[in-house]
C-alpha atoms as a PDB file:
ATOM      1  CA  MET A   1      13.861  30.670  -6.607  1.00  0.00           C
ATOM      2  CA  ASP A   2      14.902  33.609  -8.859  1.00  0.00           C
ATOM      3  CA  GLY A   3      17.407  33.360 -11.725  1.00  0.00           C
ATOM      4  CA  PHE A   4      19.728  30.117 -13.848  1.00  0.00           C
ATOM      5  CA  ASN A   5      21.998  29.497 -11.655  1.00  0.00           C
ATOM      6  CA  PRO A   6      24.853  27.977 -13.419  1.00  0.00           C
ATOM      7  CA  LYS A   7      26.715  26.663 -10.118  1.00  0.00           C
ATOM      8  CA  ALA A   8      23.767  24.560 -10.274  1.00  0.00           C
ATOM      9  CA  VAL A   9      24.295  22.847 -13.211  1.00  0.00           C
ATOM     10  CA  PHE A  10      28.154  22.545 -12.729  1.00  0.00           C
ATOM     11  CA  THR A  11      27.432  20.620  -9.320  1.00  0.00           C
ATOM     12  CA  ILE A  12      24.936  18.212 -10.994  1.00  0.00           C
ATOM     13  CA  ALA A  13      27.437  17.520 -13.872  1.00  0.00           C
ATOM     14  CA  LYS A  14      30.677  17.151 -11.670  1.00  0.00           C
ATOM     15  CA  LYS A  15      28.166  14.829  -9.977  1.00  0.00           C
ATOM     16  CA  GLU A  16      27.427  12.975 -13.005  1.00  0.00           C
ATOM     17  CA  PHE A  17      31.169  13.055 -14.127  1.00  0.00           C
ATOM     18  CA  MET A  18      32.213  11.645 -10.896  1.00  0.00           C
ATOM     19  CA  ASP A  19      29.792   8.942 -10.770  1.00  0.00           C
ATOM     20  CA  ASN A  20      31.384   7.698 -13.766  1.00  0.00           C
ATOM     21  CA  ILE A  21      34.800   7.859 -13.232  1.00  0.00           C
ATOM     22  CA  ARG A  22      33.937   5.689 -10.072  1.00  0.00           C
ATOM     23  CA  ASN A  23      31.976   2.968 -12.323  1.00  0.00           C
ATOM     24  CA  ARG A  24      35.644   3.545 -14.143  1.00  0.00           C
ATOM     25  CA  TRP A  25      33.198   4.309 -17.760  1.00  0.00           C
ATOM     26  CA  VAL A  26      36.417   6.775 -18.652  1.00  0.00           C
ATOM     27  CA  ILE A  27      38.768   4.070 -18.288  1.00  0.00           C
ATOM     28  CA  LEU A  28      37.172   1.483 -19.897  1.00  0.00           C
ATOM     29  CA  LEU A  29      36.253   3.536 -23.338  1.00  0.00           C
ATOM     30  CA  THR A  30      39.757   4.946 -23.472  1.00  0.00           C
ATOM     31  CA  ILE A  31      40.774   1.750 -23.577  1.00  0.00           C
ATOM     32  CA  ILE A  32      38.693   0.652 -26.159  1.00  0.00           C
ATOM     33  CA  PHE A  33      38.790   3.514 -28.570  1.00  0.00           C
ATOM     34  CA  VAL A  34      43.067   3.024 -28.339  1.00  0.00           C
ATOM     35  CA  LEU A  35      42.370  -0.323 -28.993  1.00  0.00           C
ATOM     36  CA  LEU A  36      39.784   0.286 -31.919  1.00  0.00           C
ATOM     37  CA  ILE A  37      42.668   3.260 -32.849  1.00  0.00           C
ATOM     38  CA  LEU A  38      45.329   1.309 -33.312  1.00  0.00           C
ATOM     39  CA  ILE A  39      43.724  -1.760 -34.797  1.00  0.00           C
ATOM     40  CA  PHE A  40      42.365  -0.439 -37.624  1.00  0.00           C
ATOM     41  CA  SER A  41      45.382   1.431 -38.582  1.00  0.00           C
ATOM     42  CA  TYR A  42      47.900  -1.479 -38.681  1.00  0.00           C
ATOM     43  CA  VAL A  43      44.845  -3.146 -41.118  1.00  0.00           C
ATOM     44  CA  ALA A  44      45.252  -0.249 -42.958  1.00  0.00           C
ATOM     45  CA  GLY A  45      49.260   0.121 -42.964  1.00  0.00           C
ATOM     46  CA  GLY A  46      48.871  -4.256 -43.981  1.00  0.00           C
ATOM     47  CA  GLN A  47      46.789  -2.897 -46.986  1.00  0.00           C
ATOM     48  CA  THR A  48      48.676  -0.306 -48.255  1.00  0.00           C
ATOM     49  CA  GLY A  49      51.842  -2.786 -49.088  1.00  0.00           C
ATOM     50  CA  GLY A  50      54.101  -0.651 -47.200  1.00  0.00           C
ATOM     51  CA  GLU A  51      56.845  -1.002 -44.808  1.00  0.00           C
ATOM     52  CA  GLU A  52      54.876   0.937 -41.783  1.00  0.00           C
ATOM     53  CA  ILE A  53      53.132  -0.533 -38.673  1.00  0.00           C
ATOM     54  CA  PHE A  54      50.711   1.496 -38.995  1.00  0.00           C
ATOM     55  CA  GLY A  55      48.707   3.144 -41.909  1.00  0.00           C
ATOM     56  CA  GLY A  56      47.946   6.854 -42.467  1.00  0.00           C
ATOM     57  CA  MET A  57      45.053   9.209 -39.996  1.00  0.00           C
ATOM     58  CA  GLN A  58      42.640   8.869 -42.912  1.00  0.00           C
ATOM     59  CA  ASN A  59      43.040   5.311 -44.227  1.00  0.00           C
ATOM     60  CA  THR A  60      42.685   4.752 -40.300  1.00  0.00           C
ATOM     61  CA  VAL A  61      39.352   6.717 -40.317  1.00  0.00           C
ATOM     62  CA  PHE A  62      37.563   5.775 -43.022  1.00  0.00           C
ATOM     63  CA  GLY A  63      38.352   2.127 -41.707  1.00  0.00           C
ATOM     64  CA  LEU A  64      37.130   2.847 -38.207  1.00  0.00           C
ATOM     65  CA  MET A  65      34.113   4.744 -39.292  1.00  0.00           C
ATOM     66  CA  GLY A  66      31.371   1.941 -39.402  1.00  0.00           C
ATOM     67  CA  ILE A  67      32.140   0.703 -36.004  1.00  0.00           C
ATOM     68  CA  SER A  68      32.434   4.315 -34.019  1.00  0.00           C
ATOM     69  CA  SER A  69      29.171   5.186 -35.739  1.00  0.00           C
ATOM     70  CA  LEU A  70      27.672   1.937 -33.609  1.00  0.00           C
ATOM     71  CA  LEU A  71      29.843   2.358 -31.333  1.00  0.00           C
ATOM     72  CA  ILE A  72      29.468   5.519 -29.380  1.00  0.00           C
ATOM     73  CA  PRO A  73      25.897   6.093 -29.870  1.00  0.00           C
ATOM     74  CA  LEU A  74      25.784   3.318 -28.298  1.00  0.00           C
ATOM     75  CA  ILE A  75      28.221   4.429 -25.268  1.00  0.00           C
ATOM     76  CA  ALA A  76      25.402   7.495 -24.809  1.00  0.00           C
ATOM     77  CA  LEU A  77      22.145   5.048 -25.509  1.00  0.00           C
ATOM     78  CA  ILE A  78      23.684   3.517 -22.090  1.00  0.00           C
ATOM     79  CA  LEU A  79      24.724   6.522 -20.314  1.00  0.00           C
ATOM     80  CA  GLY A  80      21.743   8.750 -20.643  1.00  0.00           C
ATOM     81  CA  PHE A  81      18.855   6.203 -20.938  1.00  0.00           C
ATOM     82  CA  SER A  82      17.902   5.968 -17.416  1.00  0.00           C
ATOM     83  CA  THR A  83      18.975   9.472 -15.862  1.00  0.00           C
ATOM     84  CA  ILE A  84      15.607  10.679 -15.820  1.00  0.00           C
ATOM     85  CA  SER A  85      13.054   7.636 -15.575  1.00  0.00           C
ATOM     86  CA  GLY A  86      15.452   5.827 -13.149  1.00  0.00           C
ATOM     87  CA  GLU A  87      15.996   8.504 -11.042  1.00  0.00           C
ATOM     88  CA  ALA A  88      12.402   8.995 -10.563  1.00  0.00           C
ATOM     89  CA  GLU A  89      11.519   5.353 -10.348  1.00  0.00           C
ATOM     90  CA  SER A  90      14.239   5.323  -7.122  1.00  0.00           C
ATOM     91  CA  GLY A  91      13.019   7.908  -5.803  1.00  0.00           C
ATOM     92  CA  ALA A  92      16.726  10.147  -6.400  1.00  0.00           C
ATOM     93  CA  LEU A  93      15.259  12.706  -8.335  1.00  0.00           C
ATOM     94  CA  TYR A  94      12.828  13.625  -6.109  1.00  0.00           C
ATOM     95  CA  VAL A  95      15.453  14.360  -3.971  1.00  0.00           C
ATOM     96  CA  VAL A  96      17.421  16.592  -5.966  1.00  0.00           C
ATOM     97  CA  LEU A  97      14.118  18.307  -6.707  1.00  0.00           C
ATOM     98  CA  SER A  98      13.935  18.966  -2.585  1.00  0.00           C
ATOM     99  CA  TYR A  99      16.464  21.433  -3.470  1.00  0.00           C
ATOM    100  CA  PRO A 100      16.154  24.715  -4.569  1.00  0.00           C
ATOM    101  CA  ILE A 101      17.176  24.061  -7.876  1.00  0.00           C
ATOM    102  CA  ARG A 102      15.777  24.221 -11.480  1.00  0.00           C
ATOM    103  CA  ARG A 103      14.668  20.957 -13.597  1.00  0.00           C
ATOM    104  CA  ILE A 104      16.590  23.056 -16.676  1.00  0.00           C
ATOM    105  CA  GLU A 105      19.313  23.536 -14.406  1.00  0.00           C
ATOM    106  CA  VAL A 106      19.141  19.404 -13.687  1.00  0.00           C
ATOM    107  CA  LEU A 107      19.028  18.745 -17.291  1.00  0.00           C
ATOM    108  CA  LEU A 108      21.672  20.645 -18.390  1.00  0.00           C
ATOM    109  CA  GLY A 109      23.754  19.747 -15.620  1.00  0.00           C
ATOM    110  CA  LYS A 110      22.971  15.796 -16.528  1.00  0.00           C
ATOM    111  CA  LEU A 111      23.723  16.534 -20.124  1.00  0.00           C
ATOM    112  CA  LEU A 112      27.312  18.565 -19.640  1.00  0.00           C
ATOM    113  CA  GLY A 113      28.691  15.623 -16.676  1.00  0.00           C
ATOM    114  CA  LEU A 114      27.844  12.686 -19.093  1.00  0.00           C
ATOM    115  CA  GLY A 115      28.670  14.113 -21.938  1.00  0.00           C
ATOM    116  CA  SER A 116      31.690  15.547 -20.144  1.00  0.00           C
ATOM    117  CA  VAL A 117      32.572  11.249 -20.030  1.00  0.00           C
ATOM    118  CA  ILE A 118      32.199  10.774 -24.293  1.00  0.00           C
ATOM    119  CA  VAL A 119      34.878  13.977 -24.565  1.00  0.00           C
ATOM    120  CA  VAL A 120      37.258  13.285 -22.203  1.00  0.00           C
ATOM    121  CA  SER A 121      37.128   9.529 -23.776  1.00  0.00           C
ATOM    122  CA  VAL A 122      37.693  10.388 -27.106  1.00  0.00           C
ATOM    123  CA  PHE A 123      40.007  13.188 -27.116  1.00  0.00           C
ATOM    124  CA  LEU A 124      42.092  10.437 -24.568  1.00  0.00           C
ATOM    125  CA  GLY A 125      41.381   7.431 -26.582  1.00  0.00           C
ATOM    126  CA  PHE A 126      41.529   8.489 -30.262  1.00  0.00           C
ATOM    127  CA  GLY A 127      43.898  11.345 -29.231  1.00  0.00           C
ATOM    128  CA  LEU A 128      46.855   8.899 -27.768  1.00  0.00           C
ATOM    129  CA  GLY A 129      45.414   6.587 -30.754  1.00  0.00           C
ATOM    130  CA  GLY A 130      46.578   9.021 -33.327  1.00  0.00           C
ATOM    131  CA  ILE A 131      49.707  10.207 -31.352  1.00  0.00           C
ATOM    132  CA  ALA A 132      50.885   6.579 -32.127  1.00  0.00           C
ATOM    133  CA  ILE A 133      50.098   6.743 -35.507  1.00  0.00           C
ATOM    134  CA  ALA A 134      51.827   9.731 -35.959  1.00  0.00           C
ATOM    135  CA  ALA A 135      55.407   8.729 -34.449  1.00  0.00           C
ATOM    136  CA  THR A 136      55.358   5.555 -36.639  1.00  0.00           C
ATOM    137  CA  VAL A 137      53.753   7.367 -40.179  1.00  0.00           C
ATOM    138  CA  GLY A 138      53.748  11.080 -39.334  1.00  0.00           C
ATOM    139  CA  PRO A 139      51.176  13.265 -38.662  1.00  0.00           C
ATOM    140  CA  GLU A 140      49.790  13.889 -41.917  1.00  0.00           C
ATOM    141  CA  SER A 141      46.166  14.428 -42.318  1.00  0.00           C
ATOM    142  CA  TRP A 142      46.150  15.881 -38.434  1.00  0.00           C
ATOM    143  CA  VAL A 143      43.376  18.549 -39.388  1.00  0.00           C
ATOM    144  CA  GLY A 144      40.987  15.703 -40.444  1.00  0.00           C
ATOM    145  CA  TYR A 145      41.715  13.291 -37.677  1.00  0.00           C
ATOM    146  CA  ILE A 146      40.788  16.536 -34.848  1.00  0.00           C
ATOM    147  CA  GLY A 147      37.954  17.059 -37.196  1.00  0.00           C
ATOM    148  CA  PHE A 148      36.732  13.465 -36.884  1.00  0.00           C
ATOM    149  CA  MET A 149      37.562  13.405 -33.301  1.00  0.00           C
ATOM    150  CA  LEU A 150      35.230  16.635 -33.104  1.00  0.00           C
ATOM    151  CA  LEU A 151      32.619  15.294 -34.942  1.00  0.00           C
ATOM    152  CA  SER A 152      32.425  12.119 -33.046  1.00  0.00           C
ATOM    153  CA  ILE A 153      31.862  14.147 -29.570  1.00  0.00           C
ATOM    154  CA  PHE A 154      28.893  16.314 -31.607  1.00  0.00           C
ATOM    155  CA  MET A 155      27.454  13.216 -32.579  1.00  0.00           C
ATOM    156  CA  GLY A 156      27.747  11.421 -28.459  1.00  0.00           C
ATOM    157  CA  PHE A 157      25.959  14.529 -27.464  1.00  0.00           C
ATOM    158  CA  ILE A 158      23.044  14.158 -30.080  1.00  0.00           C
ATOM    159  CA  TYR A 159      23.072  10.914 -29.119  1.00  0.00           C
ATOM    160  CA  LEU A 160      22.917  11.573 -25.610  1.00  0.00           C
ATOM    161  CA  SER A 161      20.367  13.764 -25.959  1.00  0.00           C
ATOM    162  CA  LEU A 162      17.622  11.573 -27.651  1.00  0.00           C
ATOM    163  CA  SER A 163      18.612   9.286 -24.763  1.00  0.00           C
ATOM    164  CA  ILE A 164      17.422  12.157 -22.086  1.00  0.00           C
ATOM    165  CA  CYS A 165      14.230  12.279 -23.922  1.00  0.00           C
ATOM    166  CA  ILE A 166      13.116   9.105 -23.679  1.00  0.00           C
ATOM    167  CA  SER A 167      14.310   9.201 -20.748  1.00  0.00           C
ATOM    168  CA  ALA A 168      12.200  12.510 -19.551  1.00  0.00           C
ATOM    169  CA  TYR A 169       9.428  11.058 -21.632  1.00  0.00           C
ATOM    170  CA  CYS A 170       9.262   7.497 -20.018  1.00  0.00           C
ATOM    171  CA  LYS A 171       7.805   7.063 -16.722  1.00  0.00           C
ATOM    172  CA  ARG A 172      10.248   3.775 -16.175  1.00  0.00           C
ATOM    173  CA  ARG A 173      13.361   2.902 -16.870  1.00  0.00           C
ATOM    174  CA  ILE A 174      12.499  -0.717 -18.357  1.00  0.00           C
ATOM    175  CA  THR A 175      10.338   1.363 -20.851  1.00  0.00           C
ATOM    176  CA  SER A 176      13.745   3.897 -21.314  1.00  0.00           C
ATOM    177  CA  ILE A 177      15.582   0.646 -22.284  1.00  0.00           C
ATOM    178  CA  GLY A 178      12.900   0.025 -25.119  1.00  0.00           C
ATOM    179  CA  GLY A 179      12.969   3.336 -26.581  1.00  0.00           C
ATOM    180  CA  VAL A 180      16.784   3.861 -26.424  1.00  0.00           C
ATOM    181  CA  LEU A 181      17.189   0.168 -28.155  1.00  0.00           C
ATOM    182  CA  LEU A 182      14.653   1.484 -30.873  1.00  0.00           C
ATOM    183  CA  VAL A 183      17.296   4.579 -31.904  1.00  0.00           C
ATOM    184  CA  PHE A 184      19.824   2.262 -31.740  1.00  0.00           C
ATOM    185  CA  PHE A 185      18.908  -0.609 -34.429  1.00  0.00           C
ATOM    186  CA  TRP A 186      16.949   2.471 -36.542  1.00  0.00           C
ATOM    187  CA  GLY A 187      20.600   3.411 -37.011  1.00  0.00           C
ATOM    188  CA  MET A 188      21.716  -0.050 -37.524  1.00  0.00           C
ATOM    189  CA  ILE A 189      18.902  -0.646 -40.488  1.00  0.00           C
ATOM    190  CA  TYR A 190      18.287   2.644 -41.759  1.00  0.00           C
ATOM    191  CA  GLY A 191      20.690   2.176 -44.848  1.00  0.00           C
ATOM    192  CA  THR A 192      19.499  -1.188 -44.971  1.00  0.00           C
ATOM    193  CA  VAL A 193      15.660   0.736 -45.434  1.00  0.00           C
ATOM    194  CA  PHE A 194      16.737   3.287 -47.942  1.00  0.00           C
ATOM    195  CA  ILE A 195      18.418   0.892 -50.264  1.00  0.00           C
ATOM    196  CA  ALA A 196      15.372  -1.033 -50.711  1.00  0.00           C
ATOM    197  CA  ILE A 197      12.959   2.026 -51.298  1.00  0.00           C
ATOM    198  CA  LEU A 198      15.861   3.164 -53.982  1.00  0.00           C
ATOM    199  CA  TYR A 199      15.256  -0.025 -55.586  1.00  0.00           C
ATOM    200  CA  ALA A 200      11.272  -0.391 -55.397  1.00  0.00           C
ATOM    201  CA  THR A 201      10.977   3.169 -57.056  1.00  0.00           C
ATOM    202  CA  GLY A 202      12.910   1.599 -60.133  1.00  0.00           C
ATOM    203  CA  SER A 203      16.541   1.812 -59.545  1.00  0.00           C
ATOM    204  CA  SER A 204      18.923  -1.227 -59.984  1.00  0.00           C
ATOM    205  CA  ILE A 205      22.278  -2.263 -58.625  1.00  0.00           C
ATOM    206  CA  GLU A 206      23.691  -1.553 -61.901  1.00  0.00           C
ATOM    207  CA  ASP A 207      22.548   2.132 -61.107  1.00  0.00           C
ATOM    208  CA  PHE A 208      24.057   1.743 -57.616  1.00  0.00           C
ATOM    209  CA  MET A 209      27.279   0.715 -58.693  1.00  0.00           C
ATOM    210  CA  THR A 210      27.825   3.167 -61.089  1.00  0.00           C
ATOM    211  CA  GLY A 211      26.557   5.426 -58.354  1.00  0.00           C
ATOM    212  CA  ASN A 212      23.726   6.898 -60.813  1.00  0.00           C
ATOM    213  CA  ILE A 213      21.702   8.058 -57.668  1.00  0.00           C
ATOM    214  CA  PRO A 214      18.639  10.032 -57.058  1.00  0.00           C
ATOM    215  CA  ASP A 215      19.061  12.642 -54.679  1.00  0.00           C
ATOM    216  CA  TRP A 216      16.559  12.120 -52.467  1.00  0.00           C
ATOM    217  CA  PHE A 217      18.759   9.180 -51.377  1.00  0.00           C
ATOM    218  CA  PHE A 218      21.591  11.673 -50.535  1.00  0.00           C
ATOM    219  CA  ASN A 219      19.011  13.684 -48.600  1.00  0.00           C
ATOM    220  CA  SER A 220      17.875  11.296 -47.074  1.00  0.00           C
ATOM    221  CA  VAL A 221      20.819  10.725 -44.873  1.00  0.00           C
ATOM    222  CA  VAL A 222      19.335  13.460 -43.239  1.00  0.00           C
ATOM    223  CA  PHE A 223      17.416  10.265 -41.352  1.00  0.00           C
ATOM    224  CA  SER A 224      20.109   8.988 -39.387  1.00  0.00           C
ATOM    225  CA  PRO A 225      22.736  10.995 -37.063  1.00  0.00           C
ATOM    226  CA  GLY A 226      25.105   8.005 -38.042  1.00  0.00           C
ATOM    227  CA  ASP A 227      25.322   8.182 -41.956  1.00  0.00           C
ATOM    228  CA  LEU A 228      25.279  11.995 -41.173  1.00  0.00           C
ATOM    229  CA  HIS A 229      28.202  11.735 -38.972  1.00  0.00           C
ATOM    230  CA  GLN A 230      29.656   9.445 -41.521  1.00  0.00           C
ATOM    231  CA  THR A 231      29.568  12.017 -44.536  1.00  0.00           C
ATOM    232  CA  ALA A 232      30.712  15.093 -42.056  1.00  0.00           C
ATOM    233  CA  VAL A 233      34.182  12.899 -42.454  1.00  0.00           C
ATOM    234  CA  MET A 234      34.521  12.517 -45.369  1.00  0.00           C
ATOM    235  CA  ARG A 235      33.880  16.299 -45.545  1.00  0.00           C
ATOM    236  CA  VAL A 236      36.451  17.251 -42.863  1.00  0.00           C
ATOM    237  CA  PHE A 237      39.057  15.360 -45.659  1.00  0.00           C
ATOM    238  CA  GLY A 238      37.958  16.508 -48.311  1.00  0.00           C
ATOM    239  CA  MET A 239      36.279  13.391 -49.755  1.00  0.00           C
ATOM    240  CA  VAL A 240      34.285  13.990 -52.634  1.00  0.00           C
ATOM    241  CA  THR A 241      34.002  10.617 -54.096  1.00  0.00           C
ATOM    242  CA  ILE A 242      33.738   7.046 -52.975  1.00  0.00           C
ATOM    243  CA  ASP A 243      35.250   4.598 -54.129  1.00  0.00           C
ATOM    244  CA  ALA A 244      34.726   0.839 -52.532  1.00  0.00           C
ATOM    245  CA  MET A 245      34.042  -2.481 -53.721  1.00  0.00           C
ATOM    246  CA  GLY A 246      33.379  -1.492 -56.719  1.00  0.00           C
ATOM    247  CA  ILE A 247      31.095   1.059 -56.263  1.00  0.00           C
ATOM    248  CA  SER A 248      31.708   4.463 -57.218  1.00  0.00           C
ATOM    249  CA  VAL A 249      29.726   7.009 -55.724  1.00  0.00           C
ATOM    250  CA  THR A 250      30.490  11.115 -55.480  1.00  0.00           C
ATOM    251  CA  ILE A 251      28.678  12.789 -52.892  1.00  0.00           C
ATOM    252  CA  PRO A 252      26.515  15.678 -54.003  1.00  0.00           C
ATOM    253  CA  GLU A 253      27.623  19.510 -53.351  1.00  0.00           C
ATOM    254  CA  PHE A 254      24.542  20.125 -51.173  1.00  0.00           C
ATOM    255  CA  LEU A 255      25.632  18.063 -48.334  1.00  0.00           C
ATOM    256  CA  SER A 256      28.501  20.170 -47.783  1.00  0.00           C
ATOM    257  CA  MET A 257      30.060  20.601 -44.533  1.00  0.00           C
ATOM    258  CA  ASN A 258      27.645  23.906 -43.657  1.00  0.00           C
ATOM    259  CA  PRO A 259      24.387  21.967 -43.987  1.00  0.00           C
ATOM    260  CA  LEU A 260      25.645  18.919 -42.458  1.00  0.00           C
ATOM    261  CA  LEU A 261      26.941  20.502 -39.634  1.00  0.00           C
ATOM    262  CA  VAL A 262      22.902  22.479 -39.475  1.00  0.00           C
ATOM    263  CA  VAL A 263      21.606  18.941 -39.472  1.00  0.00           C
ATOM    264  CA  HIS A 264      23.682  18.165 -36.579  1.00  0.00           C
ATOM    265  CA  LEU A 265      22.549  21.117 -34.788  1.00  0.00           C
ATOM    266  CA  ILE A 266      19.272  20.747 -35.481  1.00  0.00           C
ATOM    267  CA  TRP A 267      19.093  16.277 -34.629  1.00  0.00           C
ATOM    268  CA  PHE A 268      20.910  17.995 -30.932  1.00  0.00           C
ATOM    269  CA  ILE A 269      18.483  20.665 -29.931  1.00  0.00           C
ATOM    270  CA  VAL A 270      15.633  19.403 -30.861  1.00  0.00           C
ATOM    271  CA  PRO A 271      15.151  16.363 -28.533  1.00  0.00           C
ATOM    272  CA  LEU A 272      16.646  18.607 -25.944  1.00  0.00           C
ATOM    273  CA  PHE A 273      13.793  20.811 -25.934  1.00  0.00           C
ATOM    274  CA  LEU A 274      11.126  18.077 -25.761  1.00  0.00           C
ATOM    275  CA  ALA A 275      13.036  16.661 -22.725  1.00  0.00           C
ATOM    276  CA  TYR A 276      12.922  19.477 -21.467  1.00  0.00           C
ATOM    277  CA  PHE A 277       8.870  19.869 -22.423  1.00  0.00           C
ATOM    278  CA  PHE A 278       8.571  16.258 -20.783  1.00  0.00           C
ATOM    279  CA  PHE A 279      10.956  16.637 -17.766  1.00  0.00           C
ATOM    280  CA  LYS A 280       9.066  20.031 -16.731  1.00  0.00           C
ATOM    281  CA  ARG A 281       5.741  18.234 -16.997  1.00  0.00           C
ATOM    282  CA  ARG A 282       6.691  15.180 -14.977  1.00  0.00           C
ATOM    283  CA  ASP A 283       5.452  14.396 -11.741  1.00  0.00           C
ATOM    284  CA  ILE A 284       8.089  13.451  -9.476  1.00  0.00           C
END
């Protein structure tokens, strides 16, 4: 087998995408994203007290961020958790590797094919929802909204990379499920863990309410792709200060867009390299 074969990558990617089309994943996710956008925009419109049915792009996105930071990772983890371990267990991966194809081509093909499910779903779902909002309240904050969609796709690819890494490491499908559940629940409890550490190191609820928070607490955002995503979205909309529920917090300058994107890339690339390392050493 000679050099890297892009056609083999495309063939694997097409198969993964078409399998998910047949399973109606794209249609289901698109409907979910459209409904989420419209529901949160409707809630945001009611909070403004105006006559419009829907709220603006920025208010909609800020209301949606919490649930999208859980839903998109969950979707990506579900898509990727059995892509190596499950197919190895069923014997399907042995059939694929019996052809003149490299493991790196299989890995990248699966990543691109499954990632395309997220790309199409986000662009269709959030895009159609955004068009409906723009038709009602006007296309304000469109640049920020497009940035939000791109960052949502990026977050999906990060969790897809993590799930494929876990699948490449685990020998069985059931252990892959346990691995991705740990990753998902870490994203859910991350904030609680670091707030507990903050209080344990001498800070009080008054410090938190007034934004008197040490730099290490802000730096800890790099340990959670979901919180990293939310911080980047705020930056995309030009938001510097968070004022909500009596809390006023200013995002520090060192969490500007460029460093945030670099950390996003690290979260994506490192698991992908590890996935290839584990997959290459795997005995099929």
